[in-house]
Amino acid sequence: MTEPDDILVRRCQSGDRDAFGLLVRRYAGRAVGGATVLLGNRDDALDASQEAFIRAWRNIRRFNGRSRFYTWYAALMRNVCLSRLRRRRRRGTMAELAAEPPARADQWDPAVLAERNEQIDRLWRAIGALPLHHREVIDLSHFQHLSYRQIAEALDVPLGTVMSRLHNARKALRDTLGRAETEVRR
């Protein structure tokens, strides 16, 4: 039986590293996925999520339980990712977002696989073209599966702002993907 987050957090706050290891294993996949959306590549995402977990361990006693552990962690990870993006800009090496799409081929027909991979590539390029504040809400909603309220907590913005950003981000994705689909058919 798996222990709930709140019990694991209390154990962590008492210095139990094994409990923290359980939280890391529980959320590492989501964390790397979310950081990949923000940073654009898996290697940077692995580093950022690890740095955020280290910060979480160092600050676990400050966690007050008003939000869920992952919501709190997602805010830490967001800050790590934003710092890394700022450093990239300062160095003038902001690479084009080229996130690796997750392997999702469930059929082995080469034509089906090729089409699916093209669709996934178009989606990731469209997400990468969004402004950062739109990528964040897409990530937190669709990849991290946070509620609007949890997203508002993680981003420290009003609930209405989350709803507006998510609406605008989805609209921008639909527009971009619609144009891409039209170009493919030509």
N, C-alpha and C. Protein backbone atom coordinates (compact mmCIF):
# COMPACT_ATOMS: atom_id res chain seq x y z
N MET A 1 0.84 -1.18 0.00
CA MET A 1 0.00 0.00 0.00
C MET A 1 0.89 1.24 0.00
N THR A 2 0.58 2.19 -0.85
CA THR A 2 1.39 3.40 -0.93
C THR A 2 0.90 4.43 0.08
N GLU A 3 1.86 5.07 0.71
CA GLU A 3 1.52 6.09 1.69
C GLU A 3 1.12 7.37 0.99
N PRO A 4 0.13 8.08 1.52
CA PRO A 4 -0.26 9.37 0.93
C PRO A 4 0.86 10.39 1.08
N ASP A 5 0.83 11.39 0.22
CA ASP A 5 1.86 12.43 0.22
C ASP A 5 2.00 13.10 1.57
N ASP A 6 0.87 13.41 2.22
CA ASP A 6 0.97 14.16 3.48
C ASP A 6 1.74 13.39 4.55
N ILE A 7 1.59 12.09 4.58
CA ILE A 7 2.34 11.28 5.55
C ILE A 7 3.81 11.25 5.17
N LEU A 8 4.09 11.07 3.88
CA LEU A 8 5.48 11.08 3.44
C LEU A 8 6.14 12.42 3.73
N VAL A 9 5.42 13.51 3.52
CA VAL A 9 5.98 14.84 3.79
C VAL A 9 6.29 14.98 5.28
N ARG A 10 5.40 14.54 6.14
CA ARG A 10 5.67 14.63 7.58
C ARG A 10 6.91 13.82 7.94
N ARG A 11 7.04 12.64 7.32
CA ARG A 11 8.24 11.84 7.57
C ARG A 11 9.48 12.58 7.09
N CYS A 12 9.37 13.23 5.93
CA CYS A 12 10.50 14.01 5.39
C CYS A 12 10.86 15.15 6.34
N GLN A 13 9.86 15.81 6.86
CA GLN A 13 10.10 16.93 7.76
C GLN A 13 10.77 16.48 9.05
N SER A 14 10.69 15.19 9.33
CA SER A 14 11.40 14.62 10.49
C SER A 14 12.77 14.11 10.10
N GLY A 15 13.16 14.32 8.83
CA GLY A 15 14.49 13.93 8.39
C GLY A 15 14.57 12.59 7.68
N ASP A 16 13.45 11.98 7.35
CA ASP A 16 13.43 10.66 6.71
C ASP A 16 13.72 10.78 5.21
N ARG A 17 14.94 10.46 4.83
CA ARG A 17 15.35 10.55 3.42
C ARG A 17 14.65 9.49 2.56
N ASP A 18 14.37 8.35 3.14
CA ASP A 18 13.68 7.30 2.38
C ASP A 18 12.29 7.75 1.95
N ALA A 19 11.61 8.48 2.82
CA ALA A 19 10.28 9.00 2.47
C ALA A 19 10.40 9.99 1.31
N PHE A 20 11.44 10.80 1.34
CA PHE A 20 11.62 11.74 0.25
C PHE A 20 11.93 11.00 -1.05
N GLY A 21 12.69 9.92 -0.96
CA GLY A 21 12.96 9.10 -2.13
C GLY A 21 11.68 8.55 -2.75
N LEU A 22 10.72 8.21 -1.90
CA LEU A 22 9.43 7.74 -2.40
C LEU A 22 8.70 8.86 -3.15
N LEU A 23 8.75 10.07 -2.62
CA LEU A 23 8.12 11.21 -3.31
C LEU A 23 8.81 11.47 -4.65
N VAL A 24 10.13 11.40 -4.66
CA VAL A 24 10.87 11.62 -5.90
C VAL A 24 10.47 10.58 -6.94
N ARG A 25 10.46 9.31 -6.53
CA ARG A 25 10.06 8.26 -7.48
C ARG A 25 8.63 8.45 -7.96
N ARG A 26 7.76 8.90 -7.08
CA ARG A 26 6.36 9.10 -7.43
C ARG A 26 6.19 10.20 -8.48
N TYR A 27 6.98 11.26 -8.39
CA TYR A 27 6.75 12.44 -9.23
C TYR A 27 7.85 12.75 -10.24
N ALA A 28 8.88 11.94 -10.31
CA ALA A 28 10.01 12.24 -11.20
C ALA A 28 9.57 12.31 -12.67
N GLY A 29 8.75 11.39 -13.11
CA GLY A 29 8.31 11.39 -14.51
C GLY A 29 7.54 12.65 -14.87
N ARG A 30 6.60 13.02 -14.02
CA ARG A 30 5.83 14.25 -14.25
C ARG A 30 6.75 15.46 -14.24
N ALA A 31 7.70 15.46 -13.32
CA ALA A 31 8.60 16.60 -13.18
C ALA A 31 9.45 16.77 -14.43
N VAL A 32 10.02 15.70 -14.93
CA VAL A 32 10.86 15.78 -16.13
C VAL A 32 10.01 16.19 -17.33
N GLY A 33 8.81 15.64 -17.43
CA GLY A 33 7.92 16.02 -18.53
C GLY A 33 7.59 17.50 -18.50
N GLY A 34 7.27 17.99 -17.33
CA GLY A 34 6.94 19.41 -17.20
C GLY A 34 8.13 20.31 -17.50
N ALA A 35 9.29 19.94 -17.01
CA ALA A 35 10.49 20.74 -17.27
C ALA A 35 10.87 20.69 -18.75
N THR A 36 10.60 19.57 -19.40
CA THR A 36 10.90 19.46 -20.83
C THR A 36 10.05 20.44 -21.63
N VAL A 37 8.80 20.58 -21.25
CA VAL A 37 7.93 21.53 -21.95
C VAL A 37 8.47 22.94 -21.80
N LEU A 38 8.93 23.29 -20.61
CA LEU A 38 9.41 24.65 -20.37
C LEU A 38 10.79 24.90 -20.96
N LEU A 39 11.69 23.91 -20.87
CA LEU A 39 13.08 24.13 -21.27
C LEU A 39 13.40 23.68 -22.68
N GLY A 40 12.63 22.75 -23.19
CA GLY A 40 12.80 22.38 -24.58
C GLY A 40 13.63 21.16 -24.85
N ASN A 41 14.31 20.62 -23.86
CA ASN A 41 15.02 19.37 -24.12
C ASN A 41 15.13 18.55 -22.85
N ARG A 42 15.22 17.28 -23.04
CA ARG A 42 15.16 16.33 -21.93
C ARG A 42 16.37 16.43 -21.01
N ASP A 43 17.56 16.64 -21.54
CA ASP A 43 18.74 16.71 -20.69
C ASP A 43 18.65 17.87 -19.71
N ASP A 44 18.28 19.06 -20.21
CA ASP A 44 18.10 20.20 -19.32
C ASP A 44 16.97 19.94 -18.32
N ALA A 45 15.93 19.27 -18.79
CA ALA A 45 14.79 18.98 -17.92
C ALA A 45 15.20 18.04 -16.78
N LEU A 46 16.01 17.04 -17.09
CA LEU A 46 16.49 16.13 -16.04
C LEU A 46 17.28 16.90 -14.99
N ASP A 47 18.18 17.77 -15.45
CA ASP A 47 18.97 18.58 -14.52
C ASP A 47 18.08 19.49 -13.68
N ALA A 48 17.13 20.17 -14.32
CA ALA A 48 16.26 21.11 -13.62
C ALA A 48 15.38 20.40 -12.61
N SER A 49 14.82 19.26 -12.98
CA SER A 49 13.94 18.55 -12.04
C SER A 49 14.75 18.04 -10.85
N GLN A 50 15.98 17.60 -11.11
CA GLN A 50 16.84 17.15 -10.01
C GLN A 50 17.18 18.32 -9.08
N GLU A 51 17.52 19.46 -9.66
CA GLU A 51 17.81 20.65 -8.86
C GLU A 51 16.58 21.04 -8.02
N ALA A 52 15.41 20.96 -8.62
CA ALA A 52 14.19 21.32 -7.89
C ALA A 52 13.92 20.33 -6.75
N PHE A 53 14.20 19.04 -6.98
CA PHE A 53 14.02 18.07 -5.89
C PHE A 53 15.01 18.34 -4.76
N ILE A 54 16.22 18.74 -5.10
CA ILE A 54 17.20 19.09 -4.06
C ILE A 54 16.70 20.28 -3.26
N ARG A 55 16.18 21.29 -3.95
CA ARG A 55 15.62 22.45 -3.25
C ARG A 55 14.43 22.04 -2.39
N ALA A 56 13.62 21.13 -2.90
CA ALA A 56 12.46 20.68 -2.12
C ALA A 56 12.93 20.00 -0.83
N TRP A 57 13.93 19.14 -0.92
CA TRP A 57 14.45 18.46 0.27
C TRP A 57 14.99 19.48 1.27
N ARG A 58 15.76 20.45 0.76
CA ARG A 58 16.35 21.45 1.65
C ARG A 58 15.30 22.34 2.32
N ASN A 59 14.16 22.50 1.68
CA ASN A 59 13.11 23.39 2.19
C ASN A 59 11.86 22.67 2.66
N ILE A 60 11.93 21.36 2.82
CA ILE A 60 10.73 20.58 3.14
C ILE A 60 10.11 21.01 4.47
N ARG A 61 10.91 21.50 5.38
CA ARG A 61 10.35 21.94 6.68
C ARG A 61 9.48 23.19 6.51
N ARG A 62 9.69 23.93 5.43
CA ARG A 62 8.88 25.12 5.16
C ARG A 62 7.54 24.79 4.51
N PHE A 63 7.42 23.58 4.00
CA PHE A 63 6.16 23.17 3.38
C PHE A 63 5.08 23.15 4.44
N ASN A 64 4.02 23.92 4.22
CA ASN A 64 3.00 24.08 5.27
C ASN A 64 1.75 23.22 5.06
N GLY A 65 1.67 22.52 3.96
CA GLY A 65 0.53 21.63 3.74
C GLY A 65 -0.73 22.32 3.24
N ARG A 66 -0.67 23.61 2.95
CA ARG A 66 -1.88 24.30 2.43
C ARG A 66 -2.18 23.89 1.00
N SER A 67 -1.17 23.40 0.31
CA SER A 67 -1.37 22.87 -1.05
C SER A 67 -0.86 21.44 -1.06
N ARG A 68 -1.05 20.78 -2.15
CA ARG A 68 -0.50 19.43 -2.28
C ARG A 68 1.00 19.52 -2.48
N PHE A 69 1.70 18.45 -2.13
CA PHE A 69 3.15 18.44 -2.28
C PHE A 69 3.54 18.75 -3.71
N TYR A 70 2.90 18.09 -4.70
CA TYR A 70 3.33 18.30 -6.08
C TYR A 70 3.09 19.73 -6.54
N THR A 71 2.04 20.36 -6.09
CA THR A 71 1.78 21.75 -6.45
C THR A 71 2.92 22.63 -5.93
N TRP A 72 3.33 22.40 -4.70
CA TRP A 72 4.44 23.13 -4.10
C TRP A 72 5.73 22.86 -4.86
N TYR A 73 5.98 21.58 -5.15
CA TYR A 73 7.18 21.20 -5.90
C TYR A 73 7.15 21.83 -7.31
N ALA A 74 6.00 21.82 -7.96
CA ALA A 74 5.90 22.38 -9.32
C ALA A 74 6.28 23.86 -9.33
N ALA A 75 5.92 24.58 -8.28
CA ALA A 75 6.32 25.99 -8.19
C ALA A 75 7.84 26.11 -8.06
N LEU A 76 8.45 25.24 -7.26
CA LEU A 76 9.92 25.24 -7.15
C LEU A 76 10.55 24.93 -8.50
N MET A 77 10.01 23.91 -9.18
CA MET A 77 10.57 23.51 -10.46
C MET A 77 10.41 24.63 -11.49
N ARG A 78 9.28 25.29 -11.48
CA ARG A 78 9.06 26.41 -12.39
C ARG A 78 10.12 27.47 -12.18
N ASN A 79 10.41 27.80 -10.92
CA ASN A 79 11.42 28.81 -10.64
C ASN A 79 12.80 28.38 -11.13
N VAL A 80 13.13 27.12 -10.96
CA VAL A 80 14.41 26.60 -11.47
C VAL A 80 14.45 26.74 -13.00
N CYS A 81 13.37 26.34 -13.66
CA CYS A 81 13.31 26.42 -15.12
C CYS A 81 13.41 27.87 -15.60
N LEU A 82 12.69 28.78 -14.94
CA LEU A 82 12.75 30.19 -15.34
C LEU A 82 14.14 30.75 -15.15
N SER A 83 14.82 30.37 -14.09
CA SER A 83 16.21 30.82 -13.88
C SER A 83 17.11 30.32 -15.00
N ARG A 84 16.93 29.08 -15.38
CA ARG A 84 17.74 28.52 -16.47
C ARG A 84 17.44 29.22 -17.79
N LEU A 85 16.18 29.54 -18.04
CA LEU A 85 15.84 30.26 -19.27
C LEU A 85 16.44 31.66 -19.27
N ARG A 86 16.44 32.33 -18.13
CA ARG A 86 17.05 33.67 -18.04
C ARG A 86 18.55 33.58 -18.30
N ARG A 87 19.20 32.56 -17.74
CA ARG A 87 20.64 32.40 -17.98
C ARG A 87 20.92 32.15 -19.46
N ARG A 88 20.08 31.37 -20.10
CA ARG A 88 20.25 31.13 -21.54
C ARG A 88 20.17 32.44 -22.31
N ARG A 89 19.17 33.25 -21.98
CA ARG A 89 18.99 34.53 -22.69
C ARG A 89 20.18 35.45 -22.46
N ARG A 90 20.66 35.49 -21.22
CA ARG A 90 21.81 36.36 -20.92
C ARG A 90 23.03 35.93 -21.72
N ARG A 91 23.21 34.65 -21.90
CA ARG A 91 24.35 34.15 -22.68
C ARG A 91 24.10 34.28 -24.17
N GLY A 92 22.87 34.59 -24.54
CA GLY A 92 22.56 34.74 -25.96
C GLY A 92 22.52 33.42 -26.70
N THR A 93 22.26 32.35 -26.00
CA THR A 93 22.24 31.03 -26.64
C THR A 93 20.89 30.35 -26.54
N MET A 94 19.84 31.13 -26.52
CA MET A 94 18.50 30.55 -26.40
C MET A 94 18.25 29.66 -27.61
N ALA A 95 18.34 28.37 -27.38
CA ALA A 95 18.16 27.40 -28.46
C ALA A 95 16.68 27.29 -28.81
N GLU A 96 16.43 26.93 -30.02
CA GLU A 96 15.06 26.71 -30.45
C GLU A 96 14.49 25.52 -29.70
N LEU A 97 13.24 25.64 -29.27
CA LEU A 97 12.63 24.57 -28.51
C LEU A 97 12.47 23.35 -29.41
N ALA A 98 13.07 22.25 -29.01
CA ALA A 98 13.01 21.03 -29.80
C ALA A 98 12.79 19.85 -28.87
N ALA A 99 11.73 19.89 -28.10
CA ALA A 99 11.46 18.85 -27.13
C ALA A 99 11.28 17.51 -27.83
N GLU A 100 11.83 16.49 -27.21
CA GLU A 100 11.66 15.15 -27.75
C GLU A 100 10.24 14.69 -27.48
N PRO A 101 9.50 14.38 -28.52
CA PRO A 101 8.16 13.87 -28.27
C PRO A 101 8.24 12.49 -27.63
N PRO A 102 7.35 12.20 -26.71
CA PRO A 102 7.37 10.88 -26.10
C PRO A 102 7.06 9.79 -27.11
N ALA A 103 7.70 8.66 -26.94
CA ALA A 103 7.44 7.53 -27.84
C ALA A 103 6.03 7.03 -27.56
N ARG A 104 5.18 7.06 -28.58
CA ARG A 104 3.79 6.66 -28.38
C ARG A 104 3.31 5.72 -29.47
N ALA A 105 4.20 5.12 -30.19
CA ALA A 105 3.79 4.26 -31.29
C ALA A 105 3.24 2.95 -30.75
N ASP A 106 1.95 2.75 -30.97
CA ASP A 106 1.33 1.51 -30.51
C ASP A 106 1.00 0.59 -31.68
N GLN A 107 1.27 1.05 -32.88
CA GLN A 107 1.07 0.22 -34.06
C GLN A 107 2.40 0.19 -34.80
N TRP A 108 2.70 -0.88 -35.47
CA TRP A 108 4.00 -1.04 -36.10
C TRP A 108 4.00 -0.78 -37.59
N ASP A 109 2.89 -0.37 -38.15
CA ASP A 109 2.82 -0.03 -39.56
C ASP A 109 3.67 1.23 -39.80
N PRO A 110 4.69 1.14 -40.66
CA PRO A 110 5.58 2.29 -40.87
C PRO A 110 4.85 3.56 -41.31
N ALA A 111 3.83 3.43 -42.13
CA ALA A 111 3.10 4.61 -42.59
C ALA A 111 2.35 5.26 -41.42
N VAL A 112 1.73 4.44 -40.58
CA VAL A 112 1.02 4.96 -39.41
C VAL A 112 2.00 5.61 -38.44
N LEU A 113 3.14 4.95 -38.22
CA LEU A 113 4.15 5.51 -37.33
C LEU A 113 4.69 6.84 -37.85
N ALA A 114 4.94 6.91 -39.14
CA ALA A 114 5.45 8.15 -39.72
C ALA A 114 4.44 9.28 -39.58
N GLU A 115 3.18 9.01 -39.86
CA GLU A 115 2.14 10.03 -39.73
C GLU A 115 1.99 10.49 -38.28
N ARG A 116 1.96 9.53 -37.36
CA ARG A 116 1.83 9.86 -35.95
C ARG A 116 3.02 10.70 -35.49
N ASN A 117 4.23 10.33 -35.90
CA ASN A 117 5.41 11.09 -35.51
C ASN A 117 5.38 12.50 -36.08
N GLU A 118 4.88 12.65 -37.29
CA GLU A 118 4.75 14.00 -37.87
C GLU A 118 3.75 14.83 -37.08
N GLN A 119 2.63 14.21 -36.68
CA GLN A 119 1.64 14.93 -35.89
C GLN A 119 2.21 15.34 -34.53
N ILE A 120 2.93 14.44 -33.89
CA ILE A 120 3.55 14.74 -32.60
C ILE A 120 4.58 15.86 -32.75
N ASP A 121 5.39 15.77 -33.80
CA ASP A 121 6.38 16.83 -34.06
C ASP A 121 5.70 18.18 -34.24
N ARG A 122 4.60 18.22 -34.99
CA ARG A 122 3.87 19.48 -35.20
C ARG A 122 3.35 20.02 -33.87
N LEU A 123 2.82 19.13 -33.04
CA LEU A 123 2.31 19.55 -31.74
C LEU A 123 3.42 20.14 -30.88
N TRP A 124 4.55 19.44 -30.79
CA TRP A 124 5.66 19.94 -29.96
C TRP A 124 6.23 21.24 -30.50
N ARG A 125 6.30 21.38 -31.81
CA ARG A 125 6.76 22.66 -32.39
C ARG A 125 5.77 23.77 -32.06
N ALA A 126 4.49 23.47 -32.12
CA ALA A 126 3.46 24.48 -31.81
C ALA A 126 3.54 24.87 -30.34
N ILE A 127 3.71 23.91 -29.46
CA ILE A 127 3.85 24.22 -28.03
C ILE A 127 5.11 25.06 -27.83
N GLY A 128 6.19 24.68 -28.49
CA GLY A 128 7.44 25.42 -28.35
C GLY A 128 7.36 26.84 -28.85
N ALA A 129 6.46 27.11 -29.77
CA ALA A 129 6.32 28.47 -30.32
C ALA A 129 5.48 29.38 -29.42
N LEU A 130 4.80 28.80 -28.44
CA LEU A 130 3.97 29.60 -27.54
C LEU A 130 4.85 30.45 -26.63
N PRO A 131 4.34 31.59 -26.19
CA PRO A 131 5.06 32.36 -25.17
C PRO A 131 5.18 31.52 -23.89
N LEU A 132 6.18 31.81 -23.10
CA LEU A 132 6.44 31.03 -21.89
C LEU A 132 5.22 30.92 -20.99
N HIS A 133 4.49 32.00 -20.76
CA HIS A 133 3.35 31.93 -19.84
C HIS A 133 2.25 31.02 -20.37
N HIS A 134 2.17 30.84 -21.69
CA HIS A 134 1.21 29.89 -22.25
C HIS A 134 1.74 28.46 -22.16
N ARG A 135 3.04 28.28 -22.41
CA ARG A 135 3.63 26.94 -22.27
C ARG A 135 3.46 26.44 -20.84
N GLU A 136 3.63 27.34 -19.87
CA GLU A 136 3.50 26.95 -18.47
C GLU A 136 2.11 26.39 -18.17
N VAL A 137 1.06 27.09 -18.58
CA VAL A 137 -0.29 26.62 -18.24
C VAL A 137 -0.65 25.36 -19.01
N ILE A 138 -0.18 25.25 -20.25
CA ILE A 138 -0.40 24.01 -21.01
C ILE A 138 0.29 22.85 -20.29
N ASP A 139 1.52 23.07 -19.88
CA ASP A 139 2.26 22.03 -19.17
C ASP A 139 1.54 21.62 -17.88
N LEU A 140 1.24 22.59 -17.04
CA LEU A 140 0.65 22.29 -15.75
C LEU A 140 -0.74 21.65 -15.87
N SER A 141 -1.49 22.06 -16.87
CA SER A 141 -2.84 21.51 -17.04
C SER A 141 -2.82 20.15 -17.74
N HIS A 142 -2.16 20.09 -18.90
CA HIS A 142 -2.28 18.89 -19.74
C HIS A 142 -1.22 17.83 -19.47
N PHE A 143 -0.04 18.24 -19.01
CA PHE A 143 1.01 17.26 -18.78
C PHE A 143 1.18 16.95 -17.29
N GLN A 144 0.97 17.95 -16.43
CA GLN A 144 1.09 17.73 -15.00
C GLN A 144 -0.26 17.41 -14.35
N HIS A 145 -1.35 17.62 -15.09
CA HIS A 145 -2.71 17.28 -14.65
C HIS A 145 -3.10 18.01 -13.35
N LEU A 146 -2.69 19.28 -13.24
CA LEU A 146 -3.08 20.07 -12.08
C LEU A 146 -4.42 20.74 -12.36
N SER A 147 -5.18 20.97 -11.31
CA SER A 147 -6.44 21.69 -11.44
C SER A 147 -6.15 23.17 -11.66
N TYR A 148 -7.16 23.93 -12.07
CA TYR A 148 -7.00 25.37 -12.23
C TYR A 148 -6.50 26.00 -10.93
N ARG A 149 -7.08 25.60 -9.83
CA ARG A 149 -6.69 26.16 -8.52
C ARG A 149 -5.23 25.83 -8.21
N GLN A 150 -4.81 24.60 -8.48
CA GLN A 150 -3.42 24.22 -8.23
C GLN A 150 -2.47 24.99 -9.14
N ILE A 151 -2.87 25.22 -10.38
CA ILE A 151 -2.05 26.00 -11.30
C ILE A 151 -1.91 27.43 -10.78
N ALA A 152 -3.02 27.99 -10.32
CA ALA A 152 -2.99 29.35 -9.77
C ALA A 152 -2.03 29.42 -8.59
N GLU A 153 -2.05 28.42 -7.73
CA GLU A 153 -1.13 28.38 -6.59
C GLU A 153 0.32 28.26 -7.07
N ALA A 154 0.55 27.36 -8.02
CA ALA A 154 1.92 27.13 -8.49
C ALA A 154 2.50 28.37 -9.17
N LEU A 155 1.66 29.09 -9.92
CA LEU A 155 2.14 30.28 -10.64
C LEU A 155 1.97 31.56 -9.84
N ASP A 156 1.27 31.47 -8.72
CA ASP A 156 0.99 32.63 -7.87
C ASP A 156 0.27 33.72 -8.66
N VAL A 157 -0.79 33.29 -9.35
CA VAL A 157 -1.64 34.22 -10.10
C VAL A 157 -3.10 33.92 -9.76
N PRO A 158 -4.00 34.87 -10.03
CA PRO A 158 -5.42 34.61 -9.77
C PRO A 158 -5.98 33.48 -10.66
N LEU A 159 -7.02 32.84 -10.17
CA LEU A 159 -7.67 31.76 -10.89
C LEU A 159 -8.12 32.22 -12.28
N GLY A 160 -8.68 33.43 -12.38
CA GLY A 160 -9.13 33.95 -13.66
C GLY A 160 -8.00 34.09 -14.66
N THR A 161 -6.82 34.43 -14.17
CA THR A 161 -5.65 34.55 -15.06
C THR A 161 -5.29 33.18 -15.63
N VAL A 162 -5.35 32.15 -14.80
CA VAL A 162 -5.08 30.79 -15.27
C VAL A 162 -6.07 30.42 -16.37
N MET A 163 -7.35 30.68 -16.12
CA MET A 163 -8.37 30.32 -17.10
C MET A 163 -8.17 31.07 -18.41
N SER A 164 -7.85 32.34 -18.31
CA SER A 164 -7.63 33.16 -19.49
C SER A 164 -6.41 32.69 -20.27
N ARG A 165 -5.31 32.47 -19.56
CA ARG A 165 -4.08 32.01 -20.22
C ARG A 165 -4.29 30.67 -20.90
N LEU A 166 -4.97 29.76 -20.20
CA LEU A 166 -5.19 28.44 -20.78
C LEU A 166 -6.08 28.53 -22.01
N HIS A 167 -7.11 29.34 -21.95
CA HIS A 167 -7.98 29.53 -23.11
C HIS A 167 -7.17 30.08 -24.29
N ASN A 168 -6.38 31.12 -24.04
CA ASN A 168 -5.60 31.74 -25.11
C ASN A 168 -4.52 30.80 -25.64
N ALA A 169 -3.91 30.02 -24.75
CA ALA A 169 -2.89 29.08 -25.18
C ALA A 169 -3.50 27.99 -26.07
N ARG A 170 -4.64 27.46 -25.67
CA ARG A 170 -5.31 26.44 -26.48
C ARG A 170 -5.74 26.99 -27.83
N LYS A 171 -6.22 28.22 -27.83
CA LYS A 171 -6.63 28.86 -29.10
C LYS A 171 -5.41 29.02 -30.00
N ALA A 172 -4.30 29.48 -29.45
CA ALA A 172 -3.08 29.65 -30.25
C ALA A 172 -2.61 28.30 -30.80
N LEU A 173 -2.70 27.26 -29.99
CA LEU A 173 -2.32 25.92 -30.47
C LEU A 173 -3.24 25.46 -31.60
N ARG A 174 -4.54 25.64 -31.42
CA ARG A 174 -5.49 25.26 -32.49
C ARG A 174 -5.18 26.00 -33.77
N ASP A 175 -4.94 27.31 -33.67
CA ASP A 175 -4.63 28.11 -34.86
C ASP A 175 -3.35 27.63 -35.53
N THR A 176 -2.32 27.44 -34.74
CA THR A 176 -1.03 27.01 -35.29
C THR A 176 -1.14 25.62 -35.92
N LEU A 177 -1.78 24.70 -35.22
CA LEU A 177 -1.92 23.34 -35.74
C LEU A 177 -2.84 23.31 -36.96
N GLY A 178 -3.86 24.16 -36.98
CA GLY A 178 -4.73 24.25 -38.16
C GLY A 178 -3.97 24.72 -39.38
N ARG A 179 -3.12 25.75 -39.19
CA ARG A 179 -2.29 26.22 -40.31
C ARG A 179 -1.32 25.15 -40.76
N ALA A 180 -0.72 24.44 -39.83
CA ALA A 180 0.23 23.38 -40.17
C ALA A 180 -0.46 22.27 -40.93
N GLU A 181 -1.67 21.91 -40.52
CA GLU A 181 -2.42 20.85 -41.19
C GLU A 181 -2.76 21.27 -42.63
N THR A 182 -3.13 22.53 -42.80
CA THR A 182 -3.44 23.04 -44.14
C THR A 182 -2.21 22.97 -45.03
N GLU A 183 -1.05 23.33 -44.48
CA GLU A 183 0.18 23.28 -45.26
C GLU A 183 0.55 21.85 -45.64
N VAL A 184 0.30 20.89 -44.75
CA VAL A 184 0.62 19.50 -45.01
C VAL A 184 -0.23 18.97 -46.17
N ARG A 185 -1.48 19.39 -46.24
CA ARG A 185 -2.40 18.89 -47.26
C ARG A 185 -2.08 19.44 -48.64
N ARG A 186 -1.37 20.55 -48.69
CA ARG A 186 -1.07 21.17 -50.00
C ARG A 186 -0.09 20.40 -50.79
